[in-house]
Amino acid sequence: MNPAFSRVRCAARGAGIATALVLCACDASIEPPRSASRPGDELVFEGTWSAAGTRKTIALGGERKGSLIDLRGSMLLAGPGRPGTGFRADVIALVDSQTGLAGRSVWTDERGDQVYGELKGEGTAARNRITGTLLGGTGRYAGVTGSYEFSWQFVLEAEDGSIQGRATGLKGRVRLAQAGTAGARP
């Protein structure tokens, strides 16, 4: 057998195996295209969110404390009803250890379209359930409404006020006002 022919045949066999592995790996992770929803349809989603930022805390007498939180991070949504796949999520919030959390959020997708929201929560370590209300947006999210909820888990709290954390149990519902926005692949 010709050595050059043997190398070509071996390379072709290796390329065929590599192609088959790539196709199998991709096939398992690709979702089928979704159809656009009608305006007003309720869509259900879940996701993950991790963020880092700062917290400035003041003592309010006794065990009571007040904090200003400024967070930025990545939010990834899953499910057939997600309004988009990935967002940069920015949050500012005021936390009172007795009365809870009040904040605002902005989710920005890869196109620069934004979703605006309001956050409320109990704000204590023992009861930190946070709910969000979607208040509208820009671009394909103009007129969006909905709600979501999660618990916040701090991963890192440094003495200089640096914090990192993640949402657990993030899930929600959304109604899009524009036709053809839900299920649109980013």
C-alpha atoms as a PDB file:
ATOM      1  CA  MET A   1       0.000   0.000   0.000  1.00  0.00           C
ATOM      2  CA  ASN A   2       1.230   3.471  -0.886  1.00  0.00           C
ATOM      3  CA  PRO A   3       2.203   5.392   2.343  1.00  0.00           C
ATOM      4  CA  ALA A   4       0.814   8.693   1.000  1.00  0.00           C
ATOM      5  CA  PHE A   5      -2.566   7.031   0.240  1.00  0.00           C
ATOM      6  CA  SER A   6      -2.607   5.514   3.750  1.00  0.00           C
ATOM      7  CA  ARG A   7      -2.057   8.958   5.380  1.00  0.00           C
ATOM      8  CA  VAL A   8      -4.867  10.516   3.295  1.00  0.00           C
ATOM      9  CA  ARG A   9      -7.257   7.680   4.166  1.00  0.00           C
ATOM     10  CA  CYS A  10      -6.388   7.954   7.873  1.00  0.00           C
ATOM     11  CA  ALA A  11      -6.861  11.736   7.813  1.00  0.00           C
ATOM     12  CA  ALA A  12     -10.218  11.370   6.041  1.00  0.00           C
ATOM     13  CA  ARG A  13     -11.361   8.802   8.604  1.00  0.00           C
ATOM     14  CA  GLY A  14     -10.272  11.140  11.461  1.00  0.00           C
ATOM     15  CA  ALA A  15     -12.119  14.073   9.872  1.00  0.00           C
ATOM     16  CA  GLY A  16     -15.257  11.953   9.508  1.00  0.00           C
ATOM     17  CA  ILE A  17     -15.150  10.922  13.159  1.00  0.00           C
ATOM     18  CA  ALA A  18     -14.549  14.521  14.265  1.00  0.00           C
ATOM     19  CA  THR A  19     -17.481  15.727  12.141  1.00  0.00           C
ATOM     20  CA  ALA A  20     -19.765  13.058  13.603  1.00  0.00           C
ATOM     21  CA  LEU A  21     -18.760  14.024  17.171  1.00  0.00           C
ATOM     22  CA  VAL A  22     -19.381  17.719  16.496  1.00  0.00           C
ATOM     23  CA  LEU A  23     -22.790  16.996  14.979  1.00  0.00           C
ATOM     24  CA  CYS A  24     -23.796  14.785  17.916  1.00  0.00           C
ATOM     25  CA  ALA A  25     -22.615  17.349  20.479  1.00  0.00           C
ATOM     26  CA  CYS A  26     -24.404  20.200  18.737  1.00  0.00           C
ATOM     27  CA  ASP A  27     -27.602  18.256  18.152  1.00  0.00           C
ATOM     28  CA  ALA A  28     -28.176  17.694  21.863  1.00  0.00           C
ATOM     29  CA  SER A  29     -27.827  21.347  22.830  1.00  0.00           C
ATOM     30  CA  ILE A  30     -29.659  23.176  20.042  1.00  0.00           C
ATOM     31  CA  GLU A  31     -33.284  24.031  20.669  1.00  0.00           C
ATOM     32  CA  PRO A  32     -35.671  23.834  17.745  1.00  0.00           C
ATOM     33  CA  PRO A  33     -36.739  27.212  16.381  1.00  0.00           C
ATOM     34  CA  ARG A  34     -39.681  28.610  18.293  1.00  0.00           C
ATOM     35  CA  SER A  35     -42.632  30.292  16.719  1.00  0.00           C
ATOM     36  CA  ALA A  36     -43.418  33.889  17.539  1.00  0.00           C
ATOM     37  CA  SER A  37     -46.122  34.415  20.124  1.00  0.00           C
ATOM     38  CA  ARG A  38     -49.100  36.680  19.769  1.00  0.00           C
ATOM     39  CA  PRO A  39     -49.021  39.950  21.692  1.00  0.00           C
ATOM     40  CA  GLY A  40     -50.438  39.423  25.169  1.00  0.00           C
ATOM     41  CA  ASP A  41     -49.576  35.715  25.372  1.00  0.00           C
ATOM     42  CA  GLU A  42     -48.171  34.821  28.787  1.00  0.00           C
ATOM     43  CA  LEU A  43     -44.746  33.197  28.573  1.00  0.00           C
ATOM     44  CA  VAL A  44     -43.006  31.312  31.393  1.00  0.00           C
ATOM     45  CA  PHE A  45     -39.251  31.338  31.948  1.00  0.00           C
ATOM     46  CA  GLU A  46     -36.582  30.398  34.458  1.00  0.00           C
ATOM     47  CA  GLY A  47     -32.937  31.256  34.639  1.00  0.00           C
ATOM     48  CA  THR A  48     -29.693  32.002  36.375  1.00  0.00           C
ATOM     49  CA  TRP A  49     -28.189  35.305  37.429  1.00  0.00           C
ATOM     50  CA  SER A  50     -24.829  36.068  38.980  1.00  0.00           C
ATOM     51  CA  ALA A  51     -23.585  39.548  39.789  1.00  0.00           C
ATOM     52  CA  ALA A  52     -20.882  41.547  41.512  1.00  0.00           C
ATOM     53  CA  GLY A  53     -20.825  45.057  42.855  1.00  0.00           C
ATOM     54  CA  THR A  54     -20.725  47.112  46.008  1.00  0.00           C
ATOM     55  CA  ARG A  55     -22.669  47.547  49.206  1.00  0.00           C
ATOM     56  CA  LYS A  56     -22.439  50.526  51.539  1.00  0.00           C
ATOM     57  CA  THR A  57     -23.956  49.923  54.960  1.00  0.00           C
ATOM     58  CA  ILE A  58     -24.865  52.246  57.825  1.00  0.00           C
ATOM     59  CA  ALA A  59     -26.025  51.390  61.335  1.00  0.00           C
ATOM     60  CA  LEU A  60     -29.555  52.512  62.174  1.00  0.00           C
ATOM     61  CA  GLY A  61     -29.446  51.754  65.911  1.00  0.00           C
ATOM     62  CA  GLY A  62     -29.439  48.390  67.622  1.00  0.00           C
ATOM     63  CA  GLU A  63     -29.356  45.528  65.158  1.00  0.00           C
ATOM     64  CA  ARG A  64     -30.981  47.554  62.362  1.00  0.00           C
ATOM     65  CA  LYS A  65     -28.891  48.408  59.285  1.00  0.00           C
ATOM     66  CA  GLY A  66     -29.448  50.167  55.996  1.00  0.00           C
ATOM     67  CA  SER A  67     -27.550  49.342  52.790  1.00  0.00           C
ATOM     68  CA  LEU A  68     -27.202  50.708  49.279  1.00  0.00           C
ATOM     69  CA  ILE A  69     -26.490  47.951  46.755  1.00  0.00           C
ATOM     70  CA  ASP A  70     -25.169  48.403  43.208  1.00  0.00           C
ATOM     71  CA  LEU A  71     -24.862  45.158  41.213  1.00  0.00           C
ATOM     72  CA  ARG A  72     -24.000  44.214  37.640  1.00  0.00           C
ATOM     73  CA  GLY A  73     -23.934  40.741  36.180  1.00  0.00           C
ATOM     74  CA  SER A  74     -25.143  38.202  33.664  1.00  0.00           C
ATOM     75  CA  MET A  75     -28.661  36.808  33.499  1.00  0.00           C
ATOM     76  CA  LEU A  76     -29.346  33.758  31.340  1.00  0.00           C
ATOM     77  CA  LEU A  77     -32.951  32.701  30.739  1.00  0.00           C
ATOM     78  CA  ALA A  78     -34.218  29.285  29.694  1.00  0.00           C
ATOM     79  CA  GLY A  79     -37.510  27.786  28.649  1.00  0.00           C
ATOM     80  CA  PRO A  80     -39.699  28.088  25.584  1.00  0.00           C
ATOM     81  CA  GLY A  81     -41.265  31.317  26.868  1.00  0.00           C
ATOM     82  CA  ARG A  82     -38.132  33.274  27.639  1.00  0.00           C
ATOM     83  CA  PRO A  83     -38.218  36.833  26.326  1.00  0.00           C
ATOM     84  CA  GLY A  84     -34.538  36.577  25.378  1.00  0.00           C
ATOM     85  CA  THR A  85     -31.549  34.387  26.153  1.00  0.00           C
ATOM     86  CA  GLY A  86     -28.869  36.531  27.752  1.00  0.00           C
ATOM     87  CA  PHE A  87     -28.883  39.918  29.429  1.00  0.00           C
ATOM     88  CA  ARG A  88     -26.552  42.185  31.343  1.00  0.00           C
ATOM     89  CA  ALA A  89     -28.535  42.849  34.511  1.00  0.00           C
ATOM     90  CA  ASP A  90     -27.937  46.053  36.499  1.00  0.00           C
ATOM     91  CA  VAL A  91     -29.590  46.643  39.890  1.00  0.00           C
ATOM     92  CA  ILE A  92     -29.582  49.419  42.446  1.00  0.00           C
ATOM     93  CA  ALA A  93     -31.399  48.836  45.726  1.00  0.00           C
ATOM     94  CA  LEU A  94     -31.956  50.156  49.218  1.00  0.00           C
ATOM     95  CA  VAL A  95     -32.100  47.459  51.876  1.00  0.00           C
ATOM     96  CA  ASP A  96     -33.385  48.049  55.406  1.00  0.00           C
ATOM     97  CA  SER A  97     -32.858  45.066  57.699  1.00  0.00           C
ATOM     98  CA  GLN A  98     -36.319  45.647  59.247  1.00  0.00           C
ATOM     99  CA  THR A  99     -38.451  46.736  56.308  1.00  0.00           C
ATOM    100  CA  GLY A 100     -36.818  44.922  53.387  1.00  0.00           C
ATOM    101  CA  LEU A 101     -35.549  45.748  49.910  1.00  0.00           C
ATOM    102  CA  ALA A 102     -36.708  48.265  47.305  1.00  0.00           C
ATOM    103  CA  GLY A 103     -34.805  48.505  44.036  1.00  0.00           C
ATOM    104  CA  ARG A 104     -34.783  49.011  40.286  1.00  0.00           C
ATOM    105  CA  SER A 105     -33.327  46.855  37.534  1.00  0.00           C
ATOM    106  CA  VAL A 106     -32.395  47.140  33.877  1.00  0.00           C
ATOM    107  CA  TRP A 107     -31.767  44.087  31.696  1.00  0.00           C
ATOM    108  CA  THR A 108     -29.893  44.831  28.456  1.00  0.00           C
ATOM    109  CA  ASP A 109     -29.681  42.247  25.671  1.00  0.00           C
ATOM    110  CA  GLU A 110     -26.991  41.860  23.002  1.00  0.00           C
ATOM    111  CA  ARG A 111     -28.847  44.282  20.690  1.00  0.00           C
ATOM    112  CA  GLY A 112     -29.036  47.007  23.332  1.00  0.00           C
ATOM    113  CA  ASP A 113     -32.793  46.534  23.889  1.00  0.00           C
ATOM    114  CA  GLN A 114     -33.742  46.903  27.553  1.00  0.00           C
ATOM    115  CA  VAL A 115     -36.283  45.612  30.081  1.00  0.00           C
ATOM    116  CA  TYR A 116     -37.036  47.810  33.120  1.00  0.00           C
ATOM    117  CA  GLY A 117     -38.110  46.443  36.467  1.00  0.00           C
ATOM    118  CA  GLU A 118     -38.909  47.113  40.086  1.00  0.00           C
ATOM    119  CA  LEU A 119     -37.684  44.870  42.921  1.00  0.00           C
ATOM    120  CA  LYS A 120     -39.198  44.324  46.359  1.00  0.00           C
ATOM    121  CA  GLY A 121     -38.170  41.895  49.045  1.00  0.00           C
ATOM    122  CA  GLU A 122     -38.009  41.028  52.677  1.00  0.00           C
ATOM    123  CA  GLY A 123     -34.285  41.718  52.672  1.00  0.00           C
ATOM    124  CA  THR A 124     -33.242  39.674  55.684  1.00  0.00           C
ATOM    125  CA  ALA A 125     -30.864  36.723  55.770  1.00  0.00           C
ATOM    126  CA  ALA A 126     -33.643  34.451  57.049  1.00  0.00           C
ATOM    127  CA  ARG A 127     -36.286  35.724  54.587  1.00  0.00           C
ATOM    128  CA  ASN A 128     -34.709  37.010  51.413  1.00  0.00           C
ATOM    129  CA  ARG A 129     -37.376  36.222  48.820  1.00  0.00           C
ATOM    130  CA  ILE A 130     -37.308  38.975  46.180  1.00  0.00           C
ATOM    131  CA  THR A 131     -40.018  39.688  43.619  1.00  0.00           C
ATOM    132  CA  GLY A 132     -39.588  41.697  40.466  1.00  0.00           C
ATOM    133  CA  THR A 133     -42.204  43.471  38.363  1.00  0.00           C
ATOM    134  CA  LEU A 134     -41.424  44.188  34.703  1.00  0.00           C
ATOM    135  CA  LEU A 135     -42.394  47.778  33.867  1.00  0.00           C
ATOM    136  CA  GLY A 136     -41.687  48.023  30.133  1.00  0.00           C
ATOM    137  CA  GLY A 137     -38.689  48.344  27.918  1.00  0.00           C
ATOM    138  CA  THR A 138     -37.205  49.473  24.642  1.00  0.00           C
ATOM    139  CA  GLY A 139     -37.024  47.916  21.177  1.00  0.00           C
ATOM    140  CA  ARG A 140     -38.477  44.435  21.080  1.00  0.00           C
ATOM    141  CA  TYR A 141     -39.361  44.712  24.789  1.00  0.00           C
ATOM    142  CA  ALA A 142     -41.436  47.907  24.498  1.00  0.00           C
ATOM    143  CA  GLY A 143     -44.612  47.444  26.545  1.00  0.00           C
ATOM    144  CA  VAL A 144     -43.430  44.240  28.246  1.00  0.00           C
ATOM    145  CA  THR A 145     -45.118  43.351  31.555  1.00  0.00           C
ATOM    146  CA  GLY A 146     -44.640  40.475  33.937  1.00  0.00           C
ATOM    147  CA  SER A 147     -43.167  39.304  37.186  1.00  0.00           C
ATOM    148  CA  TYR A 148     -40.382  37.117  38.474  1.00  0.00           C
ATOM    149  CA  GLU A 149     -39.000  35.925  41.787  1.00  0.00           C
ATOM    150  CA  PHE A 150     -35.794  34.593  43.266  1.00  0.00           C
ATOM    151  CA  SER A 151     -33.746  34.354  46.453  1.00  0.00           C
ATOM    152  CA  TRP A 152     -30.361  36.047  46.661  1.00  0.00           C
ATOM    153  CA  GLN A 153     -27.319  34.190  47.919  1.00  0.00           C
ATOM    154  CA  PHE A 154     -24.150  36.128  48.724  1.00  0.00           C
ATOM    155  CA  VAL A 155     -21.031  34.252  47.671  1.00  0.00           C
ATOM    156  CA  LEU A 156     -18.475  36.888  48.678  1.00  0.00           C
ATOM    157  CA  GLU A 157     -18.766  39.799  51.097  1.00  0.00           C
ATOM    158  CA  ALA A 158     -15.500  41.714  51.554  1.00  0.00           C
ATOM    159  CA  GLU A 159     -14.766  44.356  54.202  1.00  0.00           C
ATOM    160  CA  ASP A 160     -14.328  47.023  51.497  1.00  0.00           C
ATOM    161  CA  GLY A 161     -17.981  46.635  50.460  1.00  0.00           C
ATOM    162  CA  SER A 162     -17.340  44.407  47.433  1.00  0.00           C
ATOM    163  CA  ILE A 163     -19.996  41.748  47.039  1.00  0.00           C
ATOM    164  CA  GLN A 164     -20.699  38.864  44.688  1.00  0.00           C
ATOM    165  CA  GLY A 165     -23.728  36.654  44.600  1.00  0.00           C
ATOM    166  CA  ARG A 166     -26.255  34.729  42.619  1.00  0.00           C
ATOM    167  CA  ALA A 167     -29.977  34.270  42.316  1.00  0.00           C
ATOM    168  CA  THR A 168     -31.460  30.913  43.245  1.00  0.00           C
ATOM    169  CA  GLY A 169     -34.865  29.739  42.080  1.00  0.00           C
ATOM    170  CA  LEU A 170     -35.184  32.460  39.411  1.00  0.00           C
ATOM    171  CA  LYS A 171     -38.495  32.026  37.565  1.00  0.00           C
ATOM    172  CA  GLY A 172     -41.136  34.264  36.097  1.00  0.00           C
ATOM    173  CA  ARG A 173     -43.877  35.119  33.611  1.00  0.00           C
ATOM    174  CA  VAL A 174     -43.855  37.764  30.907  1.00  0.00           C
ATOM    175  CA  ARG A 175     -46.304  39.300  28.430  1.00  0.00           C
ATOM    176  CA  LEU A 176     -44.852  40.962  25.361  1.00  0.00           C
ATOM    177  CA  ALA A 177     -46.757  43.811  23.745  1.00  0.00           C
ATOM    178  CA  GLN A 178     -45.200  43.506  20.264  1.00  0.00           C
ATOM    179  CA  ALA A 179     -45.932  40.752  17.775  1.00  0.00           C
ATOM    180  CA  GLY A 180     -43.073  38.458  16.904  1.00  0.00           C
ATOM    181  CA  THR A 181     -40.798  39.266  19.826  1.00  0.00           C
ATOM    182  CA  ALA A 182     -41.104  36.127  21.913  1.00  0.00           C
ATOM    183  CA  GLY A 183     -39.066  33.247  20.696  1.00  0.00           C
ATOM    184  CA  ALA A 184     -37.027  35.469  18.417  1.00  0.00           C
ATOM    185  CA  ARG A 185     -33.532  34.119  18.425  1.00  0.00           C
ATOM    186  CA  PRO A 186     -31.066  36.734  19.635  1.00  0.00           C
END
